[in-house]
Amino acid sequence: MAHKLLETNMPFKQKNSLIARAFVMCIEGTTRIKLKRFIERESGNVQRIFRVLRSGEYNEKKWKFDEDGRNIKIDINRIR
């Protein structure tokens, strides 16, 4: 896991799932193109993953999803 704070606040129970790995990529900061390629390479549903990440809530955990043009970032300090 990339961040110690995520060990208890991770909204996804299976830490090696595609959505959890995409979530960590967004916390570290990535571009929309890199994230899309990663999801496609893993044979995932791009629209579903983006919809969950953009929603800002999953399993009663909430976060702030920042998307500006090409860059994507999830603010780890806002997970509650």
Protein backbone atom coordinates (compact mmCIF):
# COMPACT_ATOMS: atom_id res chain seq x y z
CA MET A 1 0.00 0.00 0.00
CA ALA A 2 1.33 3.38 -0.96
CA HIS A 3 0.30 5.32 2.12
CA LYS A 4 0.10 4.40 5.80
CA LEU A 5 -3.11 6.40 6.21
CA LEU A 6 -4.80 4.17 3.66
CA GLU A 7 -4.30 0.98 5.64
CA THR A 8 -7.31 1.80 7.81
CA ASN A 9 -9.18 4.22 5.53
CA MET A 10 -9.11 2.29 2.26
CA PRO A 11 -12.64 2.27 0.83
CA PHE A 12 -12.02 -0.95 -1.12
CA LYS A 13 -11.72 -4.19 0.82
CA GLN A 14 -9.64 -6.13 -1.71
CA LYS A 15 -6.41 -4.18 -1.79
CA ASN A 16 -5.14 -5.80 -5.00
CA SER A 17 -8.34 -5.26 -6.98
CA LEU A 18 -8.25 -3.11 -10.09
CA ILE A 19 -10.32 -0.32 -8.52
CA ALA A 20 -8.07 -0.23 -5.43
CA ARG A 21 -4.92 0.00 -7.56
CA ALA A 22 -6.51 2.75 -9.68
CA PHE A 23 -7.46 4.56 -6.46
CA VAL A 24 -3.85 4.46 -5.23
CA MET A 25 -2.64 5.73 -8.61
CA CYS A 26 -4.97 8.71 -8.22
CA ILE A 27 -3.72 9.40 -4.70
CA GLU A 28 -0.17 9.49 -6.00
CA GLY A 29 -1.29 11.69 -8.89
CA THR A 30 -1.62 10.51 -12.47
CA THR A 31 -2.95 11.60 -15.83
CA ARG A 32 -6.28 10.54 -17.26
CA ILE A 33 -4.50 8.86 -20.20
CA LYS A 34 -2.20 6.77 -17.96
CA LEU A 35 -5.11 5.68 -15.79
CA LYS A 36 -7.23 4.77 -18.81
CA ARG A 37 -4.39 2.74 -20.36
CA PHE A 38 -3.78 0.96 -17.05
CA ILE A 39 -7.46 -0.01 -16.74
CA GLU A 40 -7.64 -1.19 -20.36
CA ARG A 41 -4.41 -3.20 -19.98
CA GLU A 42 -5.97 -4.98 -17.00
CA SER A 43 -9.18 -5.61 -19.02
CA GLY A 44 -11.29 -3.42 -16.78
CA ASN A 45 -14.34 -1.29 -17.53
CA VAL A 46 -12.98 2.25 -17.90
CA GLN A 47 -16.35 3.99 -17.48
CA ARG A 48 -17.20 2.03 -14.33
CA ILE A 49 -13.84 2.75 -12.67
CA PHE A 50 -14.02 6.46 -13.49
CA ARG A 51 -17.63 6.63 -12.29
CA VAL A 52 -16.70 5.14 -8.90
CA LEU A 53 -13.64 7.37 -8.51
CA ARG A 54 -15.54 10.52 -9.50
CA SER A 55 -18.46 9.73 -7.21
CA GLY A 56 -16.29 10.44 -4.18
CA GLU A 57 -17.93 7.80 -2.02
CA TYR A 58 -17.74 4.02 -1.63
CA ASN A 59 -18.35 1.70 1.35
CA GLU A 60 -19.24 4.70 3.53
CA LYS A 61 -15.84 6.33 2.83
CA LYS A 62 -15.72 9.74 1.17
CA TRP A 63 -12.91 11.51 -0.66
CA LYS A 64 -12.28 14.54 -2.85
CA PHE A 65 -11.59 13.76 -6.53
CA ASP A 66 -9.78 16.58 -8.35
CA GLU A 67 -9.66 16.44 -12.13
CA ASP A 68 -8.26 19.35 -14.10
CA GLY A 69 -7.90 18.79 -17.78
CA ARG A 70 -5.44 15.90 -17.94
CA ASN A 71 -4.40 15.41 -14.31
CA ILE A 72 -6.23 13.38 -11.68
CA LYS A 73 -5.64 13.56 -7.95
CA ILE A 74 -7.46 12.22 -4.89
CA ASP A 75 -6.82 14.13 -1.69
CA ILE A 76 -5.91 11.52 0.95
CA ASN A 77 -6.49 13.95 3.82
CA ARG A 78 -10.14 14.23 2.89
CA ILE A 79 -10.90 10.50 3.20
CA ARG A 80 -13.30 10.01 6.08
